[in-house]
Protein backbone atom coordinates (compact mmCIF):
# COMPACT_ATOMS: atom_id res chain seq x y z
CA UNK A 1 0.00 0.00 0.00
CA UNK A 2 2.63 2.51 1.02
CA UNK A 3 0.55 5.61 1.75
CA UNK A 4 0.16 6.90 5.29
CA UNK A 5 -1.62 9.80 6.94
CA UNK A 6 -0.99 12.11 9.84
CA UNK A 7 -4.36 13.10 11.28
CA UNK A 8 -5.22 15.85 13.76
CA UNK A 9 -8.61 15.82 15.51
CA UNK A 10 -9.69 19.03 17.23
CA UNK A 11 -12.77 19.83 19.30
CA UNK A 12 -13.75 23.42 18.54
CA UNK A 13 -16.30 25.27 20.68
CA UNK A 14 -19.22 26.57 18.62
CA UNK A 15 -18.36 30.17 19.48
CA UNK A 16 -14.84 29.70 18.03
CA UNK A 17 -15.80 27.76 14.89
CA UNK A 18 -15.90 30.58 12.31
CA UNK A 19 -12.60 32.10 13.45
CA UNK A 20 -10.96 28.67 13.71
CA UNK A 21 -12.21 27.71 10.24
CA UNK A 22 -10.70 30.85 8.66
CA UNK A 23 -7.41 30.51 10.55
CA UNK A 24 -6.98 26.83 9.70
CA UNK A 25 -7.81 27.36 6.01
CA UNK A 26 -5.73 30.48 5.44
CA UNK A 27 -2.80 30.08 7.84
CA UNK A 28 -2.41 26.71 9.49
CA UNK A 29 -3.15 24.17 6.74
CA UNK A 30 -0.87 25.76 4.10
CA UNK A 31 1.91 26.18 6.70
CA UNK A 32 1.57 22.57 7.86
CA UNK A 33 1.63 21.17 4.31
CA UNK A 34 4.81 23.07 3.56
CA UNK A 35 6.42 22.23 6.91
CA UNK A 36 5.58 18.53 6.75
CA UNK A 37 6.30 18.27 2.99
CA UNK A 38 3.02 16.38 2.67
CA UNK A 39 1.83 15.09 -0.69
CA UNK A 40 -1.50 16.78 0.01
CA UNK A 41 -3.84 17.66 2.84
CA UNK A 42 -7.52 18.18 3.46
CA UNK A 43 -9.75 18.97 6.39
CA UNK A 44 -13.27 18.11 7.41
CA UNK A 45 -16.00 19.05 9.86
CA UNK A 46 -17.93 16.16 11.40
CA UNK A 47 -21.62 15.90 10.52
CA UNK A 48 -22.19 13.76 13.63
CA UNK A 49 -20.57 16.18 16.10
CA UNK A 50 -20.26 19.68 14.57
CA UNK A 51 -17.52 20.62 17.05
CA UNK A 52 -15.12 18.02 15.61
CA UNK A 53 -12.63 19.17 12.99
CA UNK A 54 -10.18 16.74 11.39
CA UNK A 55 -7.18 17.47 9.22
CA UNK A 56 -5.39 14.82 7.18
CA UNK A 57 -1.88 15.06 5.75
CA UNK A 58 -0.91 12.43 3.17
CA UNK A 59 2.58 10.94 2.85
CA UNK A 60 4.09 8.45 0.43
CA UNK A 61 5.46 6.25 3.23
CA UNK A 62 4.64 5.34 6.81
CA UNK A 63 8.12 6.43 7.85
CA UNK A 64 7.50 9.97 6.56
CA UNK A 65 4.25 10.21 8.51
CA UNK A 66 5.83 8.82 11.67
CA UNK A 67 8.73 11.28 11.44
CA UNK A 68 6.30 14.17 11.94
CA UNK A 69 5.75 13.21 15.59
CA UNK A 70 9.30 14.10 16.67
CA UNK A 71 9.93 16.95 14.27
CA UNK A 72 10.88 20.52 15.06
CA UNK A 73 8.27 21.55 12.51
CA UNK A 74 5.48 19.92 14.52
CA UNK A 75 6.76 21.56 17.71
CA UNK A 76 6.59 24.97 16.00
CA UNK A 77 3.10 24.32 14.62
CA UNK A 78 1.91 23.21 18.07
CA UNK A 79 3.33 26.42 19.57
CA UNK A 80 1.55 28.47 16.88
CA UNK A 81 -1.70 26.59 17.53
CA UNK A 82 -1.38 27.09 21.29
CA UNK A 83 -0.70 30.80 20.81
CA UNK A 84 -3.86 31.16 18.73
CA UNK A 85 -6.22 28.85 20.65
CA UNK A 86 -4.68 28.04 24.03
CA UNK A 87 -6.50 25.22 25.78
CA UNK A 88 -9.87 26.18 24.25
CA UNK A 89 -9.40 23.70 21.38
CA UNK A 90 -8.19 20.30 22.61
CA UNK A 91 -6.77 17.99 19.98
CA UNK A 92 -5.23 14.61 19.41
CA UNK A 93 -2.99 13.21 16.69
CA UNK A 94 -2.74 9.86 14.94
CA UNK A 95 -0.53 8.26 12.31
CA UNK A 96 -2.62 6.05 10.05
CA UNK A 97 -1.20 3.38 7.74
CA UNK A 98 -3.21 2.26 4.73
CA UNK A 99 -3.40 -1.53 4.88
CA UNK A 100 -6.11 -2.13 2.33
CA UNK A 101 -8.06 -0.28 -0.31
CA UNK A 102 -10.82 -1.05 -2.75
CA UNK A 103 -12.18 0.98 -5.63
CA UNK A 104 -15.64 0.36 -6.98
PDB file of N, CA and C in Angstrom:
ATOM      1  N   UNK A   1       0.826  -1.190   0.000  1.00  0.00           N
ATOM      2  CA  UNK A   1       0.000   0.000   0.000  1.00  0.00           C
ATOM      3  C   UNK A   1       0.868   1.252   0.000  1.00  0.00           C
ATOM      4  N   UNK A   2       1.700   1.409   1.016  1.00  0.00           N
ATOM      5  CA  UNK A   2       2.634   2.512   1.022  1.00  0.00           C
ATOM      6  C   UNK A   2       2.143   3.789   1.673  1.00  0.00           C
ATOM      7  N   UNK A   3       1.007   4.300   1.271  1.00  0.00           N
ATOM      8  CA  UNK A   3       0.545   5.606   1.754  1.00  0.00           C
ATOM      9  C   UNK A   3       0.244   5.578   3.251  1.00  0.00           C
ATOM     10  N   UNK A   4       0.460   6.749   3.869  1.00  0.00           N
ATOM     11  CA  UNK A   4       0.158   6.900   5.286  1.00  0.00           C
ATOM     12  C   UNK A   4      -0.336   8.327   5.510  1.00  0.00           C
ATOM     13  N   UNK A   5      -1.000   8.510   6.636  1.00  0.00           N
ATOM     14  CA  UNK A   5      -1.621   9.800   6.937  1.00  0.00           C
ATOM     15  C   UNK A   5      -1.302  10.216   8.365  1.00  0.00           C
ATOM     16  N   UNK A   6      -1.082  11.494   8.527  1.00  0.00           N
ATOM     17  CA  UNK A   6      -0.986  12.112   9.838  1.00  0.00           C
ATOM     18  C   UNK A   6      -2.302  12.851  10.017  1.00  0.00           C
ATOM     19  N   UNK A   7      -3.027  12.543  11.088  1.00  0.00           N
ATOM     20  CA  UNK A   7      -4.363  13.096  11.284  1.00  0.00           C
ATOM     21  C   UNK A   7      -4.401  13.871  12.599  1.00  0.00           C
ATOM     22  N   UNK A   8      -5.028  15.036  12.561  1.00  0.00           N
ATOM     23  CA  UNK A   8      -5.220  15.848  13.765  1.00  0.00           C
ATOM     24  C   UNK A   8      -6.719  16.043  13.961  1.00  0.00           C
ATOM     25  N   UNK A   9      -7.198  15.667  15.144  1.00  0.00           N
ATOM     26  CA  UNK A   9      -8.610  15.816  15.506  1.00  0.00           C
ATOM     27  C   UNK A   9      -8.702  16.912  16.557  1.00  0.00           C
ATOM     28  N   UNK A  10      -9.520  17.911  16.301  1.00  0.00           N
ATOM     29  CA  UNK A  10      -9.692  19.031  17.231  1.00  0.00           C
ATOM     30  C   UNK A  10     -11.162  19.162  17.600  1.00  0.00           C
ATOM     31  N   UNK A  11     -11.413  19.563  18.831  1.00  0.00           N
ATOM     32  CA  UNK A  11     -12.772  19.829  19.297  1.00  0.00           C
ATOM     33  C   UNK A  11     -12.903  21.337  19.502  1.00  0.00           C
ATOM     34  N   UNK A  12     -13.666  21.963  18.614  1.00  0.00           N
ATOM     35  CA  UNK A  12     -13.746  23.420  18.539  1.00  0.00           C
ATOM     36  C   UNK A  12     -15.077  23.895  19.115  1.00  0.00           C
ATOM     37  N   UNK A  13     -15.050  24.738  20.153  1.00  0.00           N
ATOM     38  CA  UNK A  13     -16.304  25.272  20.685  1.00  0.00           C
ATOM     39  C   UNK A  13     -17.067  26.026  19.592  1.00  0.00           C
ATOM     40  N   UNK A  14     -18.373  25.941  19.640  1.00  0.00           N
ATOM     41  CA  UNK A  14     -19.218  26.574  18.618  1.00  0.00           C
ATOM     42  C   UNK A  14     -18.888  28.055  18.444  1.00  0.00           C
ATOM     43  N   UNK A  15     -18.643  28.738  19.542  1.00  0.00           N
ATOM     44  CA  UNK A  15     -18.355  30.174  19.479  1.00  0.00           C
ATOM     45  C   UNK A  15     -17.040  30.482  18.763  1.00  0.00           C
ATOM     46  N   UNK A  16     -16.151  29.505  18.661  1.00  0.00           N
ATOM     47  CA  UNK A  16     -14.837  29.697  18.029  1.00  0.00           C
ATOM     48  C   UNK A  16     -14.796  29.172  16.596  1.00  0.00           C
ATOM     49  N   UNK A  17     -15.854  28.492  16.163  1.00  0.00           N
ATOM     50  CA  UNK A  17     -15.805  27.755  14.892  1.00  0.00           C
ATOM     51  C   UNK A  17     -15.467  28.631  13.681  1.00  0.00           C
ATOM     52  N   UNK A  18     -16.132  29.743  13.497  1.00  0.00           N
ATOM     53  CA  UNK A  18     -15.900  30.580  12.311  1.00  0.00           C
ATOM     54  C   UNK A  18     -14.461  31.094  12.274  1.00  0.00           C
ATOM     55  N   UNK A  19     -13.973  31.592  13.396  1.00  0.00           N
ATOM     56  CA  UNK A  19     -12.599  32.101  13.447  1.00  0.00           C
ATOM     57  C   UNK A  19     -11.593  30.971  13.239  1.00  0.00           C
ATOM     58  N   UNK A  20     -11.844  29.828  13.868  1.00  0.00           N
ATOM     59  CA  UNK A  20     -10.963  28.667  13.709  1.00  0.00           C
ATOM     60  C   UNK A  20     -10.934  28.220  12.253  1.00  0.00           C
ATOM     61  N   UNK A  21     -12.096  28.161  11.626  1.00  0.00           N
ATOM     62  CA  UNK A  21     -12.207  27.713  10.241  1.00  0.00           C
ATOM     63  C   UNK A  21     -11.370  28.604   9.314  1.00  0.00           C
ATOM     64  N   UNK A  22     -11.486  29.906   9.480  1.00  0.00           N
ATOM     65  CA  UNK A  22     -10.698  30.847   8.660  1.00  0.00           C
ATOM     66  C   UNK A  22      -9.204  30.673   8.911  1.00  0.00           C
ATOM     67  N   UNK A  23      -8.821  30.629  10.184  1.00  0.00           N
ATOM     68  CA  UNK A  23      -7.408  30.507  10.550  1.00  0.00           C
ATOM     69  C   UNK A  23      -6.812  29.220  10.004  1.00  0.00           C
ATOM     70  N   UNK A  24      -7.520  28.112  10.157  1.00  0.00           N
ATOM     71  CA  UNK A  24      -6.983  26.831   9.696  1.00  0.00           C
ATOM     72  C   UNK A  24      -6.832  26.823   8.180  1.00  0.00           C
ATOM     73  N   UNK A  25      -7.826  27.350   7.478  1.00  0.00           N
ATOM     74  CA  UNK A  25      -7.809  27.356   6.007  1.00  0.00           C
ATOM     75  C   UNK A  25      -6.722  28.264   5.444  1.00  0.00           C
ATOM     76  N   UNK A  26      -6.601  29.459   6.007  1.00  0.00           N
ATOM     77  CA  UNK A  26      -5.725  30.478   5.437  1.00  0.00           C
ATOM     78  C   UNK A  26      -4.292  30.389   5.958  1.00  0.00           C
ATOM     79  N   UNK A  27      -4.135  30.070   7.235  1.00  0.00           N
ATOM     80  CA  UNK A  27      -2.805  30.076   7.841  1.00  0.00           C
ATOM     81  C   UNK A  27      -2.258  28.680   8.122  1.00  0.00           C
ATOM     82  N   UNK A  28      -2.982  27.922   8.924  1.00  0.00           N
ATOM     83  CA  UNK A  28      -2.406  26.707   9.490  1.00  0.00           C
ATOM     84  C   UNK A  28      -2.230  25.583   8.468  1.00  0.00           C
ATOM     85  N   UNK A  29      -3.246  25.289   7.688  1.00  0.00           N
ATOM     86  CA  UNK A  29      -3.147  24.170   6.741  1.00  0.00           C
ATOM     87  C   UNK A  29      -2.035  24.399   5.715  1.00  0.00           C
ATOM     88  N   UNK A  30      -1.966  25.560   5.057  1.00  0.00           N
ATOM     89  CA  UNK A  30      -0.866  25.763   4.103  1.00  0.00           C
ATOM     90  C   UNK A  30       0.517  25.683   4.762  1.00  0.00           C
ATOM     91  N   UNK A  31       0.638  26.230   5.973  1.00  0.00           N
ATOM     92  CA  UNK A  31       1.906  26.180   6.697  1.00  0.00           C
ATOM     93  C   UNK A  31       2.272  24.740   7.025  1.00  0.00           C
ATOM     94  N   UNK A  32       1.306  23.963   7.500  1.00  0.00           N
ATOM     95  CA  UNK A  32       1.573  22.570   7.863  1.00  0.00           C
ATOM     96  C   UNK A  32       1.967  21.738   6.645  1.00  0.00           C
ATOM     97  N   UNK A  33       1.285  21.922   5.525  1.00  0.00           N
ATOM     98  CA  UNK A  33       1.626  21.166   4.307  1.00  0.00           C
ATOM     99  C   UNK A  33       3.069  21.449   3.904  1.00  0.00           C
ATOM    100  N   UNK A  34       3.445  22.702   3.925  1.00  0.00           N
ATOM    101  CA  UNK A  34       4.813  23.072   3.557  1.00  0.00           C
ATOM    102  C   UNK A  34       5.818  22.541   4.576  1.00  0.00           C
ATOM    103  N   UNK A  35       5.518  22.681   5.851  1.00  0.00           N
ATOM    104  CA  UNK A  35       6.423  22.233   6.911  1.00  0.00           C
ATOM    105  C   UNK A  35       6.616  20.724   6.876  1.00  0.00           C
ATOM    106  N   UNK A  36       5.519  19.991   6.737  1.00  0.00           N
ATOM    107  CA  UNK A  36       5.583  18.525   6.746  1.00  0.00           C
ATOM    108  C   UNK A  36       6.055  17.948   5.413  1.00  0.00           C
ATOM    109  N   UNK A  37       6.019  18.761   4.353  1.00  0.00           N
ATOM    110  CA  UNK A  37       6.301  18.272   2.994  1.00  0.00           C
ATOM    111  C   UNK A  37       5.332  17.150   2.615  1.00  0.00           C
ATOM    112  N   UNK A  38       4.070  17.364   2.963  1.00  0.00           N
ATOM    113  CA  UNK A  38       3.019  16.384   2.674  1.00  0.00           C
ATOM    114  C   UNK A  38       2.709  16.372   1.182  1.00  0.00           C
ATOM    115  N   UNK A  39       2.269  15.212   0.695  1.00  0.00           N
ATOM    116  CA  UNK A  39       1.825  15.087  -0.692  1.00  0.00           C
ATOM    117  C   UNK A  39       0.615  15.984  -0.908  1.00  0.00           C
ATOM    118  N   UNK A  40      -0.311  15.933   0.031  1.00  0.00           N
ATOM    119  CA  UNK A  40      -1.502  16.778   0.007  1.00  0.00           C
ATOM    120  C   UNK A  40      -2.143  16.738   1.385  1.00  0.00           C
ATOM    121  N   UNK A  41      -3.122  17.605   1.565  1.00  0.00           N
ATOM    122  CA  UNK A  41      -3.837  17.656   2.840  1.00  0.00           C
ATOM    123  C   UNK A  41      -5.264  18.092   2.581  1.00  0.00           C
ATOM    124  N   UNK A  42      -6.133  17.723   3.501  1.00  0.00           N
ATOM    125  CA  UNK A  42      -7.515  18.182   3.458  1.00  0.00           C
ATOM    126  C   UNK A  42      -8.033  18.202   4.884  1.00  0.00           C
ATOM    127  N   UNK A  43      -9.160  18.863   5.056  1.00  0.00           N
ATOM    128  CA  UNK A  43      -9.746  18.966   6.388  1.00  0.00           C
ATOM    129  C   UNK A  43     -11.246  18.817   6.288  1.00  0.00           C
ATOM    130  N   UNK A  44     -11.847  18.429   7.398  1.00  0.00           N
ATOM    131  CA  UNK A  44     -13.274  18.107   7.414  1.00  0.00           C
ATOM    132  C   UNK A  44     -13.893  18.556   8.732  1.00  0.00           C
ATOM    133  N   UNK A  45     -15.180  18.852   8.666  1.00  0.00           N
ATOM    134  CA  UNK A  45     -16.001  19.045   9.861  1.00  0.00           C
ATOM    135  C   UNK A  45     -16.920  17.836   9.969  1.00  0.00           C
ATOM    136  N   UNK A  46     -17.050  17.302  11.167  1.00  0.00           N
ATOM    137  CA  UNK A  46     -17.932  16.160  11.396  1.00  0.00           C
ATOM    138  C   UNK A  46     -19.393  16.569  11.223  1.00  0.00           C
ATOM    139  N   UNK A  47     -20.170  15.700  10.628  1.00  0.00           N
ATOM    140  CA  UNK A  47     -21.617  15.904  10.518  1.00  0.00           C
ATOM    141  C   UNK A  47     -22.348  15.187  11.657  1.00  0.00           C
ATOM    142  N   UNK A  48     -21.619  14.408  12.444  1.00  0.00           N
ATOM    143  CA  UNK A  48     -22.191  13.764  13.633  1.00  0.00           C
ATOM    144  C   UNK A  48     -22.052  14.700  14.835  1.00  0.00           C
ATOM    145  N   UNK A  49     -20.846  15.240  15.014  1.00  0.00           N
ATOM    146  CA  UNK A  49     -20.571  16.183  16.098  1.00  0.00           C
ATOM    147  C   UNK A  49     -19.962  17.437  15.467  1.00  0.00           C
ATOM    148  N   UNK A  50     -20.737  18.501  15.298  1.00  0.00           N
ATOM    149  CA  UNK A  50     -20.257  19.681  14.571  1.00  0.00           C
ATOM    150  C   UNK A  50     -19.088  20.411  15.221  1.00  0.00           C
ATOM    151  N   UNK A  51     -18.696  20.013  16.422  1.00  0.00           N
ATOM    152  CA  UNK A  51     -17.521  20.621  17.048  1.00  0.00           C
ATOM    153  C   UNK A  51     -16.224  19.940  16.618  1.00  0.00           C
ATOM    154  N   UNK A  52     -16.317  18.794  15.964  1.00  0.00           N
ATOM    155  CA  UNK A  52     -15.125  18.020  15.614  1.00  0.00           C
ATOM    156  C   UNK A  52     -14.610  18.410  14.231  1.00  0.00           C
ATOM    157  N   UNK A  53     -13.357  18.818  14.215  1.00  0.00           N
ATOM    158  CA  UNK A  53     -12.631  19.174  12.986  1.00  0.00           C
ATOM    159  C   UNK A  53     -11.478  18.188  12.845  1.00  0.00           C
ATOM    160  N   UNK A  54     -11.293  17.652  11.642  1.00  0.00           N
ATOM    161  CA  UNK A  54     -10.183  16.738  11.389  1.00  0.00           C
ATOM    162  C   UNK A  54      -9.388  17.230  10.195  1.00  0.00           C
ATOM    163  N   UNK A  55      -8.077  17.134  10.322  1.00  0.00           N
ATOM    164  CA  UNK A  55      -7.181  17.472   9.215  1.00  0.00           C
ATOM    165  C   UNK A  55      -6.329  16.250   8.915  1.00  0.00           C
ATOM    166  N   UNK A  56      -6.162  15.973   7.637  1.00  0.00           N
ATOM    167  CA  UNK A  56      -5.395  14.816   7.177  1.00  0.00           C
ATOM    168  C   UNK A  56      -4.254  15.293   6.291  1.00  0.00           C
ATOM    169  N   UNK A  57      -3.072  14.753   6.539  1.00  0.00           N
ATOM    170  CA  UNK A  57      -1.881  15.056   5.747  1.00  0.00           C
ATOM    171  C   UNK A  57      -1.391  13.737   5.163  1.00  0.00           C
ATOM    172  N   UNK A  58      -1.273  13.672   3.857  1.00  0.00           N
ATOM    173  CA  UNK A  58      -0.913  12.429   3.172  1.00  0.00           C
ATOM    174  C   UNK A  58       0.587  12.382   2.882  1.00  0.00           C
ATOM    175  N   UNK A  59       1.157  11.182   3.101  1.00  0.00           N
ATOM    176  CA  UNK A  59       2.577  10.941   2.853  1.00  0.00           C
ATOM    177  C   UNK A  59       2.746   9.675   2.022  1.00  0.00           C
ATOM    178  N   UNK A  60       3.838   9.611   1.284  1.00  0.00           N
ATOM    179  CA  UNK A  60       4.089   8.450   0.432  1.00  0.00           C
ATOM    180  C   UNK A  60       4.456   7.216   1.232  1.00  0.00           C
ATOM    181  N   UNK A  61       5.047   7.402   2.417  1.00  0.00           N
ATOM    182  CA  UNK A  61       5.457   6.252   3.226  1.00  0.00           C
ATOM    183  C   UNK A  61       5.042   6.437   4.685  1.00  0.00           C
ATOM    184  N   UNK A  62       4.929   5.322   5.377  1.00  0.00           N
ATOM    185  CA  UNK A  62       4.638   5.337   6.809  1.00  0.00           C
ATOM    186  C   UNK A  62       5.757   6.050   7.567  1.00  0.00           C
ATOM    187  N   UNK A  63       6.981   5.824   7.164  1.00  0.00           N
ATOM    188  CA  UNK A  63       8.122   6.434   7.849  1.00  0.00           C
ATOM    189  C   UNK A  63       8.058   7.962   7.798  1.00  0.00           C
ATOM    190  N   UNK A  64       7.634   8.509   6.670  1.00  0.00           N
ATOM    191  CA  UNK A  64       7.502   9.967   6.562  1.00  0.00           C
ATOM    192  C   UNK A  64       6.434  10.485   7.523  1.00  0.00           C
ATOM    193  N   UNK A  65       5.321   9.792   7.601  1.00  0.00           N
ATOM    194  CA  UNK A  65       4.245  10.214   8.510  1.00  0.00           C
ATOM    195  C   UNK A  65       4.683  10.097   9.965  1.00  0.00           C
ATOM    196  N   UNK A  66       5.375   9.013  10.299  1.00  0.00           N
ATOM    197  CA  UNK A  66       5.829   8.820  11.674  1.00  0.00           C
ATOM    198  C   UNK A  66       6.869   9.859  12.082  1.00  0.00           C
ATOM    199  N   UNK A  67       7.679  10.300  11.142  1.00  0.00           N
ATOM    200  CA  UNK A  67       8.730  11.275  11.444  1.00  0.00           C
ATOM    201  C   UNK A  67       8.155  12.618  11.892  1.00  0.00           C
ATOM    202  N   UNK A  68       6.924  12.905  11.549  1.00  0.00           N
ATOM    203  CA  UNK A  68       6.296  14.170  11.937  1.00  0.00           C
ATOM    204  C   UNK A  68       6.228  14.295  13.456  1.00  0.00           C
ATOM    205  N   UNK A  69       5.958  13.188  14.142  1.00  0.00           N
ATOM    206  CA  UNK A  69       5.746  13.214  15.586  1.00  0.00           C
ATOM    207  C   UNK A  69       6.889  13.768  16.402  1.00  0.00           C
ATOM    208  N   UNK A  70       8.122  13.621  15.933  1.00  0.00           N
ATOM    209  CA  UNK A  70       9.297  14.097  16.670  1.00  0.00           C
ATOM    210  C   UNK A  70       9.940  15.320  16.033  1.00  0.00           C
ATOM    211  N   UNK A  71       9.281  15.895  15.062  1.00  0.00           N
ATOM    212  CA  UNK A  71       9.928  16.945  14.270  1.00  0.00           C
ATOM    213  C   UNK A  71       9.868  18.320  14.931  1.00  0.00           C
ATOM    214  N   UNK A  72      10.865  19.124  14.616  1.00  0.00           N
ATOM    215  CA  UNK A  72      10.879  20.518  15.062  1.00  0.00           C
ATOM    216  C   UNK A  72       9.723  21.283  14.420  1.00  0.00           C
ATOM    217  N   UNK A  73       9.381  20.900  13.194  1.00  0.00           N
ATOM    218  CA  UNK A  73       8.265  21.546  12.507  1.00  0.00           C
ATOM    219  C   UNK A  73       6.963  21.384  13.260  1.00  0.00           C
ATOM    220  N   UNK A  74       6.704  20.156  13.751  1.00  0.00           N
ATOM    221  CA  UNK A  74       5.481  19.925  14.522  1.00  0.00           C
ATOM    222  C   UNK A  74       5.513  20.728  15.813  1.00  0.00           C
ATOM    223  N   UNK A  75       6.654  20.781  16.465  1.00  0.00           N
ATOM    224  CA  UNK A  75       6.761  21.559  17.706  1.00  0.00           C
ATOM    225  C   UNK A  75       6.413  23.029  17.453  1.00  0.00           C
ATOM    226  N   UNK A  76       6.890  23.576  16.328  1.00  0.00           N
ATOM    227  CA  UNK A  76       6.586  24.969  16.001  1.00  0.00           C
ATOM    228  C   UNK A  76       5.102  25.153  15.705  1.00  0.00           C
ATOM    229  N   UNK A  77       4.528  24.216  14.941  1.00  0.00           N
ATOM    230  CA  UNK A  77       3.101  24.315  14.618  1.00  0.00           C
ATOM    231  C   UNK A  77       2.236  24.196  15.871  1.00  0.00           C
ATOM    232  N   UNK A  78       2.630  23.334  16.799  1.00  0.00           N
ATOM    233  CA  UNK A  78       1.910  23.210  18.074  1.00  0.00           C
ATOM    234  C   UNK A  78       1.991  24.528  18.843  1.00  0.00           C
ATOM    235  N   UNK A  79       3.170  25.131  18.869  1.00  0.00           N
ATOM    236  CA  UNK A  79       3.327  26.417  19.565  1.00  0.00           C
ATOM    237  C   UNK A  79       2.453  27.491  18.917  1.00  0.00           C
ATOM    238  N   UNK A  80       2.412  27.511  17.587  1.00  0.00           N
ATOM    239  CA  UNK A  80       1.551  28.472  16.883  1.00  0.00           C
ATOM    240  C   UNK A  80       0.079  28.229  17.213  1.00  0.00           C
ATOM    241  N   UNK A  81      -0.320  26.956  17.216  1.00  0.00           N
ATOM    242  CA  UNK A  81      -1.703  26.592  17.528  1.00  0.00           C
ATOM    243  C   UNK A  81      -2.040  27.032  18.952  1.00  0.00           C
ATOM    244  N   UNK A  82      -1.146  26.724  19.890  1.00  0.00           N
ATOM    245  CA  UNK A  82      -1.381  27.091  21.286  1.00  0.00           C
ATOM    246  C   UNK A  82      -1.461  28.603  21.466  1.00  0.00           C
ATOM    247  N   UNK A  83      -0.654  29.342  20.720  1.00  0.00           N
ATOM    248  CA  UNK A  83      -0.696  30.805  20.811  1.00  0.00           C
ATOM    249  C   UNK A  83      -2.040  31.337  20.318  1.00  0.00           C
ATOM    250  N   UNK A  84      -2.584  30.702  19.294  1.00  0.00           N
ATOM    251  CA  UNK A  84      -3.861  31.157  18.733  1.00  0.00           C
ATOM    252  C   UNK A  84      -5.061  30.693  19.545  1.00  0.00           C
ATOM    253  N   UNK A  85      -5.016  29.462  20.073  1.00  0.00           N
ATOM    254  CA  UNK A  85      -6.222  28.853  20.650  1.00  0.00           C
ATOM    255  C   UNK A  85      -6.073  28.407  22.095  1.00  0.00           C
ATOM    256  N   UNK A  86      -4.867  28.444  22.643  1.00  0.00           N
ATOM    257  CA  UNK A  86      -4.676  28.041  24.033  1.00  0.00           C
ATOM    258  C   UNK A  86      -5.246  26.662  24.292  1.00  0.00           C
ATOM    259  N   UNK A  87      -5.903  26.522  25.442  1.00  0.00           N
ATOM    260  CA  UNK A  87      -6.500  25.222  25.777  1.00  0.00           C
ATOM    261  C   UNK A  87      -7.985  25.172  25.415  1.00  0.00           C
ATOM    262  N   UNK A  88      -8.452  26.150  24.645  1.00  0.00           N
ATOM    263  CA  UNK A  88      -9.866  26.181  24.246  1.00  0.00           C
ATOM    264  C   UNK A  88     -10.192  25.134  23.181  1.00  0.00           C
ATOM    265  N   UNK A  89      -9.178  24.668  22.461  1.00  0.00           N
ATOM    266  CA  UNK A  89      -9.396  23.703  21.378  1.00  0.00           C
ATOM    267  C   UNK A  89      -8.498  22.489  21.622  1.00  0.00           C
ATOM    268  N   UNK A  90      -8.999  21.512  22.391  1.00  0.00           N
ATOM    269  CA  UNK A  90      -8.193  20.300  22.612  1.00  0.00           C
ATOM    270  C   UNK A  90      -8.077  19.495  21.319  1.00  0.00           C
ATOM    271  N   UNK A  91      -6.963  18.787  21.187  1.00  0.00           N
ATOM    272  CA  UNK A  91      -6.766  17.994  19.977  1.00  0.00           C
ATOM    273  C   UNK A  91      -5.941  16.756  20.272  1.00  0.00           C
ATOM    274  N   UNK A  92      -6.024  15.832  19.345  1.00  0.00           N
ATOM    275  CA  UNK A  92      -5.226  14.609  19.406  1.00  0.00           C
ATOM    276  C   UNK A  92      -4.682  14.341  18.013  1.00  0.00           C
ATOM    277  N   UNK A  93      -3.646  13.519  17.955  1.00  0.00           N
ATOM    278  CA  UNK A  93      -2.988  13.210  16.686  1.00  0.00           C
ATOM    279  C   UNK A  93      -2.855  11.705  16.523  1.00  0.00           C
ATOM    280  N   UNK A  94      -2.909  11.269  15.279  1.00  0.00           N
ATOM    281  CA  UNK A  94      -2.745   9.856  14.942  1.00  0.00           C
ATOM    282  C   UNK A  94      -1.911   9.739  13.677  1.00  0.00           C
ATOM    283  N   UNK A  95      -1.163   8.652  13.572  1.00  0.00           N
ATOM    284  CA  UNK A  95      -0.530   8.264  12.315  1.00  0.00           C
ATOM    285  C   UNK A  95      -1.285   7.037  11.839  1.00  0.00           C
ATOM    286  N   UNK A  96      -1.791   7.109  10.615  1.00  0.00           N
ATOM    287  CA  UNK A  96      -2.623   6.049  10.049  1.00  0.00           C
ATOM    288  C   UNK A  96      -1.913   5.430   8.853  1.00  0.00           C
ATOM    289  N   UNK A  97      -1.820   4.106   8.858  1.00  0.00           N
ATOM    290  CA  UNK A  97      -1.204   3.380   7.745  1.00  0.00           C
ATOM    291  C   UNK A  97      -2.290   2.716   6.911  1.00  0.00           C
ATOM    292  N   UNK A  98      -2.261   2.923   5.619  1.00  0.00           N
ATOM    293  CA  UNK A  98      -3.212   2.263   4.726  1.00  0.00           C
ATOM    294  C   UNK A  98      -2.790   0.803   4.599  1.00  0.00           C
ATOM    295  N   UNK A  99      -3.702  -0.100   4.953  1.00  0.00           N
ATOM    296  CA  UNK A  99      -3.399  -1.535   4.879  1.00  0.00           C
ATOM    297  C   UNK A  99      -4.290  -2.256   3.883  1.00  0.00           C
ATOM    298  N   UNK A 100      -5.237  -1.547   3.337  1.00  0.00           N
ATOM    299  CA  UNK A 100      -6.107  -2.133   2.329  1.00  0.00           C
ATOM    300  C   UNK A 100      -6.932  -1.042   1.677  1.00  0.00           C
ATOM    301  N   UNK A 101      -7.238  -1.247   0.414  1.00  0.00           N
ATOM    302  CA  UNK A 101      -8.056  -0.275  -0.310  1.00  0.00           C
ATOM    303  C   UNK A 101      -8.839  -1.007  -1.384  1.00  0.00           C
ATOM    304  N   UNK A 102      -9.974  -0.459  -1.717  1.00  0.00           N
ATOM    305  CA  UNK A 102     -10.824  -1.049  -2.750  1.00  0.00           C
ATOM    306  C   UNK A 102     -11.481   0.083  -3.512  1.00  0.00           C
ATOM    307  N   UNK A 103     -11.492  -0.017  -4.806  1.00  0.00           N
ATOM    308  CA  UNK A 103     -12.179   0.981  -5.628  1.00  0.00           C
ATOM    309  C   UNK A 103     -13.322   0.303  -6.349  1.00  0.00           C
ATOM    310  N   UNK A 104     -14.464   0.963  -6.359  1.00  0.00           N
ATOM    311  CA  UNK A 104     -15.635   0.363  -6.984  1.00  0.00           C
ATOM    312  C   UNK A 104     -16.095   1.105  -8.196  1.00  0.00           C
TER     313      UNK A 104
END
